[in-house]
Amino acid sequence: MNKLLALSLFALSGALLGGCSFSKGFEGELVGAQDRPYYNPQEVPFGMVPCPGGTFHMGQTDQDISASMVNMNKQVTIAGFYMDETEITNNKYRQFIEAIKQDSLDVLGEEYVMTELYPDTTVWVRDFTYHMGDPLLEYYYTHPAFDDYPVVGVDWFAAKYFCNWRTKYRNATREERGDAADPNFRLPSEAEWEYAARGGREGATYPWGGPYLRNTKGCMLANFKPGRGDYVSDGYAYTSEVGSFFPNDFGLYDMSGNVAEWCDDAYMEASVPVVWDLNPTNPDDNEPRKVVRGGSWKDIAYFLETGTRNFEYQDSARSYIGFRCSMIQIGMGSNSKLN
């Protein structure tokens, strides 16, 4: 009886739909819903570069000097995505802060904006004992001389908030043009970050390949700590302007050194055998440790390796941690030509 009733209702609905105006002109053919928002082929957002999808061996590429056993090799497939060419700079982050102050200060409150979103400049004196960080505390974020340097003093929550704001800011313009919204900006997953850092080089110790840290002319290939207390051999005592060193084969700058970078994943020692092998991620809100990758200006070469894992607590802002954004690629396969 129930089946007969269902068939009767279906036949009745068909008769009713047959007279609806939206189906006229299609002569009974299945053509899809009409009046959908227009969507151009996905454009590469300004300041980003395409990272075509592929398969690689994720994990350590050199000796595990700490014998941590937390990054064994695993074959992983990554779908295509876009990633910021450089780390987010002070001036780009300033655009975000100024927009929040102008549009959302009444909603969020000045205390929240200044304590949670505004870069914590005190990191320059808090992170290191007996260190003269006062000049950087005063000038690093505020002075125009540092506009193109990577923003620091931003915790994981603030980096996530920046991504959300950037999404709304971009899609508001697309909506005004009548275009469909783009995917969200977000922090890269740990797997995406490592895949992007290698730049298509299978088993690469560093983004430029390796195993050496200097090129044939003897120039350093990243901003890091080359020796014991020798910070200036690469040309910079602290951070450097973004893009000061050669990019990798994907066109990404500073994937090793300058500042380490927040990833979206929660840190888990056993993540390699646990997570899936297709676009793996570990979104655990109950784990306060978040993945940090790439090493920084104050780190030795081990932390610059593409396979070295590290973490920081999500509410901790540091003078050596920044971030960059990523965005999924939609509407094409991994082997399609990216625009």
Protein backbone atom coordinates (compact mmCIF):
# COMPACT_ATOMS: atom_id res chain seq x y z
CA MET A 1 0.00 0.00 0.00
CA ASN A 2 2.81 2.43 0.87
CA LYS A 3 4.53 1.78 -2.45
CA LEU A 4 1.30 2.36 -4.38
CA LEU A 5 0.71 5.59 -2.49
CA ALA A 6 4.23 6.78 -3.21
CA LEU A 7 3.87 6.01 -6.93
CA SER A 8 0.56 7.83 -7.05
CA LEU A 9 2.02 10.91 -5.40
CA PHE A 10 5.00 10.83 -7.77
CA ALA A 11 2.67 10.63 -10.79
CA LEU A 12 0.60 13.50 -9.42
CA SER A 13 3.67 15.64 -8.80
CA GLY A 14 4.82 14.92 -12.33
CA ALA A 15 1.53 16.09 -13.73
CA LEU A 16 1.72 19.27 -11.69
CA LEU A 17 5.33 19.94 -12.66
CA GLY A 18 4.50 19.39 -16.28
CA GLY A 19 2.53 22.60 -16.20
CA CYS A 20 5.14 24.67 -14.35
CA SER A 21 6.63 27.54 -16.28
CA PHE A 22 10.27 26.77 -15.39
CA SER A 23 10.26 23.55 -17.44
CA LYS A 24 8.93 25.11 -20.65
CA GLY A 25 11.30 25.05 -23.59
CA PHE A 26 13.26 21.99 -22.40
CA GLU A 27 10.79 19.45 -23.90
CA GLY A 28 11.04 17.08 -20.99
CA GLU A 29 14.86 16.89 -20.94
CA LEU A 30 17.00 16.89 -17.81
CA VAL A 31 19.01 20.11 -18.12
CA GLY A 32 19.84 21.00 -14.53
CA ALA A 33 18.55 23.75 -12.27
CA GLN A 34 18.47 27.18 -13.88
CA ASP A 35 19.47 30.66 -12.69
CA ARG A 36 22.64 29.41 -11.01
CA PRO A 37 25.28 32.05 -10.09
CA TYR A 38 27.88 32.55 -12.79
CA TYR A 39 31.34 31.21 -11.98
CA ASN A 40 34.37 31.93 -14.14
CA PRO A 41 37.18 29.39 -14.20
CA GLN A 42 38.87 29.79 -10.83
CA GLU A 43 41.30 32.67 -10.85
CA VAL A 44 44.56 32.59 -8.93
CA PRO A 45 44.06 35.06 -6.05
CA PHE A 46 46.49 37.96 -6.00
CA GLY A 47 49.74 37.03 -4.29
CA MET A 48 49.15 33.27 -4.56
CA VAL A 49 50.70 30.60 -6.77
CA PRO A 50 49.19 27.31 -7.97
CA CYS A 51 50.39 24.05 -6.45
CA PRO A 52 49.24 21.28 -8.82
CA GLY A 53 48.07 18.15 -7.08
CA GLY A 54 50.21 15.05 -6.96
CA THR A 55 51.58 12.17 -4.91
CA PHE A 56 54.70 12.31 -2.76
CA HIS A 57 56.39 10.56 0.12
CA MET A 58 55.61 12.62 3.20
CA GLY A 59 57.99 12.37 6.13
CA GLN A 60 61.61 12.71 7.12
CA THR A 61 64.21 12.93 4.39
CA ASP A 62 67.30 12.79 6.56
CA GLN A 63 68.41 11.40 9.90
CA ASP A 64 65.96 11.72 12.79
CA ILE A 65 68.54 13.32 15.06
CA SER A 66 66.18 13.53 18.01
CA ALA A 67 65.08 9.88 17.56
CA SER A 68 61.51 11.10 17.93
CA MET A 69 59.98 8.54 15.54
CA VAL A 70 57.09 10.94 14.81
CA ASN A 71 57.57 11.42 11.07
CA MET A 72 58.06 8.13 9.30
CA ASN A 73 57.65 8.12 5.51
CA LYS A 74 54.20 7.62 4.00
CA GLN A 75 52.96 7.99 0.43
CA VAL A 76 50.30 10.70 0.31
CA THR A 77 48.19 12.27 -2.45
CA ILE A 78 47.36 15.98 -2.38
CA ALA A 79 44.68 17.66 -4.51
CA GLY A 80 45.53 20.91 -6.27
CA PHE A 81 45.47 24.12 -4.25
CA TYR A 82 46.76 27.67 -4.17
CA MET A 83 49.19 29.04 -1.60
CA ASP A 84 50.51 32.49 -0.77
CA GLU A 85 53.73 33.20 -2.61
CA THR A 86 55.26 34.62 0.57
CA GLU A 87 54.49 34.75 4.25
CA ILE A 88 51.89 37.34 5.25
CA THR A 89 53.72 40.62 5.74
CA ASN A 90 53.33 43.32 8.36
CA ASN A 91 51.64 45.63 5.86
CA LYS A 92 49.17 43.01 4.61
CA TYR A 93 48.27 42.18 8.18
CA ARG A 94 47.92 45.91 8.88
CA GLN A 95 45.25 46.08 6.17
CA PHE A 96 43.34 43.44 8.11
CA ILE A 97 43.71 45.25 11.44
CA GLU A 98 42.61 48.59 9.96
CA ALA A 99 39.56 46.97 8.37
CA ILE A 100 38.60 45.30 11.66
CA LYS A 101 38.97 48.59 13.55
CA GLN A 102 36.82 50.38 11.01
CA ASP A 103 34.06 47.81 10.55
CA SER A 104 33.97 45.51 13.56
CA LEU A 105 35.37 47.37 16.56
CA ASP A 106 31.92 47.97 18.05
CA VAL A 107 31.05 44.29 17.75
CA LEU A 108 34.34 42.71 18.80
CA GLY A 109 35.41 45.36 21.29
CA GLU A 110 38.71 47.21 21.36
CA GLU A 111 40.16 44.94 24.05
CA TYR A 112 39.63 41.81 21.94
CA VAL A 113 41.07 43.39 18.82
CA MET A 114 44.16 44.74 20.56
CA THR A 115 44.88 41.68 22.71
CA GLU A 116 43.80 38.82 20.43
CA LEU A 117 44.26 40.07 16.86
CA TYR A 118 46.81 42.88 16.99
CA PRO A 119 50.38 41.52 16.79
CA ASP A 120 51.97 41.07 20.21
CA THR A 121 55.11 43.17 19.84
CA THR A 122 56.32 42.22 23.33
CA VAL A 123 57.43 38.85 21.94
CA TRP A 124 60.73 40.49 21.00
CA VAL A 125 61.61 40.95 24.68
CA ARG A 126 59.76 37.94 26.14
CA ASP A 127 61.01 35.14 23.89
CA PHE A 128 64.68 35.47 24.77
CA THR A 129 66.40 36.03 28.11
CA TYR A 130 68.93 38.86 28.33
CA HIS A 131 68.16 40.03 24.81
CA MET A 132 67.98 43.65 23.67
CA GLY A 133 64.71 43.39 21.82
CA ASP A 134 63.37 46.85 22.67
CA PRO A 135 64.07 48.40 19.24
CA LEU A 136 62.18 45.60 17.51
CA LEU A 137 59.35 45.86 20.03
CA GLU A 138 58.96 49.51 19.11
CA TYR A 139 59.53 49.45 15.37
CA TYR A 140 59.08 45.98 13.84
CA TYR A 141 55.33 46.17 13.25
CA THR A 142 54.79 49.92 13.19
CA HIS A 143 57.66 51.36 11.10
CA PRO A 144 57.36 51.44 7.27
CA ALA A 145 60.89 50.03 6.99
CA PHE A 146 59.46 46.66 8.10
CA ASP A 147 56.33 46.68 5.91
CA ASP A 148 57.56 43.82 3.72
CA TYR A 149 58.84 41.68 6.58
CA PRO A 150 56.76 38.72 7.80
CA VAL A 151 54.29 39.49 10.56
CA VAL A 152 55.06 37.79 13.88
CA GLY A 153 53.53 37.86 17.34
CA VAL A 154 50.33 36.34 15.93
CA ASP A 155 48.94 33.18 17.50
CA TRP A 156 47.05 30.36 15.75
CA PHE A 157 43.64 31.84 16.54
CA ALA A 158 44.55 35.23 15.08
CA ALA A 159 45.91 33.59 11.92
CA LYS A 160 42.63 31.70 11.52
CA TYR A 161 40.64 34.90 12.04
CA PHE A 162 42.71 36.62 9.36
CA CYS A 163 41.85 33.81 6.91
CA ASN A 164 38.13 34.18 7.64
CA TRP A 165 38.28 37.96 7.18
CA ARG A 166 40.20 37.60 3.92
CA THR A 167 37.53 35.21 2.61
CA LYS A 168 34.70 37.64 3.37
CA TYR A 169 36.67 40.57 2.00
CA ARG A 170 37.29 38.83 -1.34
CA ASN A 171 33.83 37.34 -1.74
CA ALA A 172 32.07 40.62 -0.96
CA THR A 173 33.56 42.00 -4.17
CA ARG A 174 32.60 38.88 -6.12
CA GLU A 175 29.06 39.14 -4.83
CA GLU A 176 28.82 42.74 -6.01
CA ARG A 177 29.80 41.55 -9.51
CA GLY A 178 27.20 38.79 -9.39
CA ASP A 179 29.85 36.04 -9.32
CA ALA A 180 29.70 32.91 -7.20
CA ALA A 181 31.85 32.91 -4.08
CA ASP A 182 35.38 31.57 -4.12
CA PRO A 183 36.44 28.84 -1.66
CA ASN A 184 37.64 29.91 1.77
CA PHE A 185 41.13 31.10 2.54
CA ARG A 186 42.57 28.98 5.34
CA LEU A 187 45.76 27.82 6.94
CA PRO A 188 47.36 24.99 4.96
CA SER A 189 47.15 21.48 6.29
CA GLU A 190 50.44 19.98 7.41
CA ALA A 191 50.47 17.68 4.39
CA GLU A 192 49.75 20.53 1.99
CA TRP A 193 52.51 22.60 3.57
CA GLU A 194 55.10 19.84 3.22
CA TYR A 195 54.02 19.05 -0.34
CA ALA A 196 54.28 22.74 -1.26
CA ALA A 197 57.64 23.11 0.46
CA ARG A 198 59.14 20.30 -1.63
CA GLY A 199 57.93 22.02 -4.79
CA GLY A 200 57.56 18.77 -6.70
CA ARG A 201 60.99 17.42 -5.72
CA GLU A 202 60.58 13.90 -4.40
CA GLY A 203 62.59 13.34 -1.22
CA ALA A 204 63.95 16.89 -1.15
CA THR A 205 65.69 17.70 2.12
CA TYR A 206 65.14 21.43 1.59
CA PRO A 207 62.81 23.37 -0.74
CA TRP A 208 65.72 23.93 -3.13
CA GLY A 209 66.62 20.24 -3.09
CA GLY A 210 69.72 19.94 -0.99
CA PRO A 211 71.60 18.59 0.77
CA TYR A 212 73.62 21.81 0.93
CA LEU A 213 72.67 25.13 2.51
CA ARG A 214 74.77 27.29 0.18
CA ASN A 215 74.72 27.61 -3.59
CA THR A 216 77.78 27.23 -5.83
CA LYS A 217 78.75 30.86 -5.13
CA GLY A 218 78.76 30.26 -1.39
CA CYS A 219 75.56 32.24 -0.73
CA MET A 220 73.11 31.04 1.91
CA LEU A 221 69.82 29.76 0.52
CA ALA A 222 67.64 30.66 3.50
CA ASN A 223 67.46 32.89 6.56
CA PHE A 224 68.38 30.77 9.60
CA LYS A 225 71.10 30.27 12.21
CA PRO A 226 74.05 28.74 10.33
CA GLY A 227 76.35 28.20 13.30
CA ARG A 228 76.77 28.76 17.03
CA GLY A 229 75.62 32.32 17.52
CA ASP A 230 76.27 33.15 13.85
CA TYR A 231 73.03 34.77 12.73
CA VAL A 232 74.32 37.15 10.04
CA SER A 233 76.03 34.80 7.59
CA ASP A 234 72.81 34.72 5.58
CA GLY A 235 72.69 38.51 5.52
CA TYR A 236 70.13 39.10 8.28
CA ALA A 237 70.39 39.07 12.05
CA TYR A 238 66.63 38.61 12.47
CA THR A 239 63.91 38.19 9.86
CA SER A 240 64.41 39.23 6.25
CA GLU A 241 62.11 40.88 3.75
CA VAL A 242 59.89 38.22 2.22
CA GLY A 243 61.20 36.91 -1.08
CA SER A 244 64.83 37.74 -0.33
CA PHE A 245 65.98 34.22 -1.22
CA PHE A 246 65.33 32.04 -4.26
CA PRO A 247 61.86 30.42 -4.57
CA ASN A 248 61.33 26.70 -4.91
CA ASP A 249 60.04 25.03 -8.08
CA PHE A 250 56.43 25.97 -7.30
CA GLY A 251 57.44 29.63 -7.01
CA LEU A 252 57.07 29.76 -3.22
CA TYR A 253 59.47 31.87 -1.16
CA ASP A 254 60.80 31.26 2.35
CA MET A 255 59.32 27.79 2.81
CA SER A 256 62.41 27.23 4.94
CA GLY A 257 63.64 29.85 7.35
CA ASN A 258 62.71 33.49 7.94
CA VAL A 259 59.73 32.62 10.14
CA ALA A 260 58.18 29.25 10.92
CA GLU A 261 54.55 28.95 9.84
CA TRP A 262 51.31 27.87 11.46
CA CYS A 263 49.46 24.94 9.91
CA ASP A 264 45.80 24.12 10.44
CA ASP A 265 46.45 20.68 11.95
CA ALA A 266 46.60 19.75 15.59
CA TYR A 267 49.91 18.12 16.48
CA MET A 268 49.83 14.40 17.15
CA GLU A 269 52.90 12.20 17.51
CA ALA A 270 51.17 9.24 15.89
CA SER A 271 49.57 11.17 13.03
CA VAL A 272 51.52 9.40 10.26
CA PRO A 273 49.98 5.92 10.75
CA VAL A 274 46.59 7.35 11.77
CA VAL A 275 45.57 9.93 9.16
CA TRP A 276 44.36 8.98 5.69
CA ASP A 277 46.65 8.99 2.65
CA LEU A 278 44.46 11.37 0.57
CA ASN A 279 44.54 15.00 1.67
CA PRO A 280 45.32 14.02 5.28
CA THR A 281 44.54 16.40 8.11
CA ASN A 282 44.10 16.28 11.88
CA PRO A 283 41.48 18.84 13.00
CA ASP A 284 41.41 18.17 16.74
CA ASP A 285 39.96 21.13 18.68
CA ASN A 286 40.78 19.43 21.97
CA GLU A 287 44.52 19.41 21.23
CA PRO A 288 46.10 22.81 22.07
CA ARG A 289 49.32 22.00 20.23
CA LYS A 290 49.23 23.08 16.60
CA VAL A 291 51.69 22.14 13.88
CA VAL A 292 54.43 24.64 13.02
CA ARG A 293 56.64 24.04 10.00
CA GLY A 294 59.64 25.46 8.18
CA GLY A 295 62.02 26.71 10.83
CA SER A 296 62.91 30.35 11.37
CA TRP A 297 65.67 32.93 11.53
CA LYS A 298 66.71 31.69 14.99
CA ASP A 299 66.72 27.94 14.17
CA ILE A 300 69.49 25.59 13.11
CA ALA A 301 69.30 23.83 9.73
CA TYR A 302 67.54 20.72 11.10
CA PHE A 303 64.31 22.69 11.54
CA LEU A 304 64.52 23.95 7.95
CA GLU A 305 64.18 20.45 6.52
CA THR A 306 60.94 19.76 4.68
CA GLY A 307 60.31 16.66 6.79
CA THR A 308 60.91 18.12 10.26
CA ARG A 309 57.78 18.40 12.42
CA ASN A 310 57.35 20.86 15.25
CA PHE A 311 54.54 22.45 17.24
CA GLU A 312 53.55 25.43 19.36
CA TYR A 313 50.57 26.00 21.63
CA GLN A 314 47.68 27.60 19.80
CA ASP A 315 47.45 30.64 22.10
CA SER A 316 51.19 31.37 22.01
CA ALA A 317 52.51 34.21 19.88
CA ARG A 318 56.21 34.13 19.03
CA SER A 319 58.79 36.38 17.39
CA TYR A 320 59.70 33.57 15.02
CA ILE A 321 56.27 32.24 13.92
CA GLY A 322 54.15 33.69 11.13
CA PHE A 323 51.81 32.18 8.56
CA ARG A 324 50.55 32.10 5.00
CA CYS A 325 47.17 31.16 3.52
CA SER A 326 46.01 28.49 1.12
CA MET A 327 42.85 27.84 -0.92
CA ILE A 328 41.57 24.67 -2.53
CA GLN A 329 41.45 24.39 -6.32
CA ILE A 330 37.95 23.55 -7.53
CA GLY A 331 36.43 22.58 -10.83
CA MET A 332 39.54 20.87 -12.25
CA GLY A 333 41.38 17.61 -11.82
CA SER A 334 44.86 17.50 -10.35
CA ASN A 335 46.39 17.07 -13.79
CA SER A 336 44.59 20.04 -15.32
CA LYS A 337 46.49 23.14 -16.30
CA LEU A 338 46.17 25.72 -13.54
CA ASN A 339 45.46 29.28 -14.61
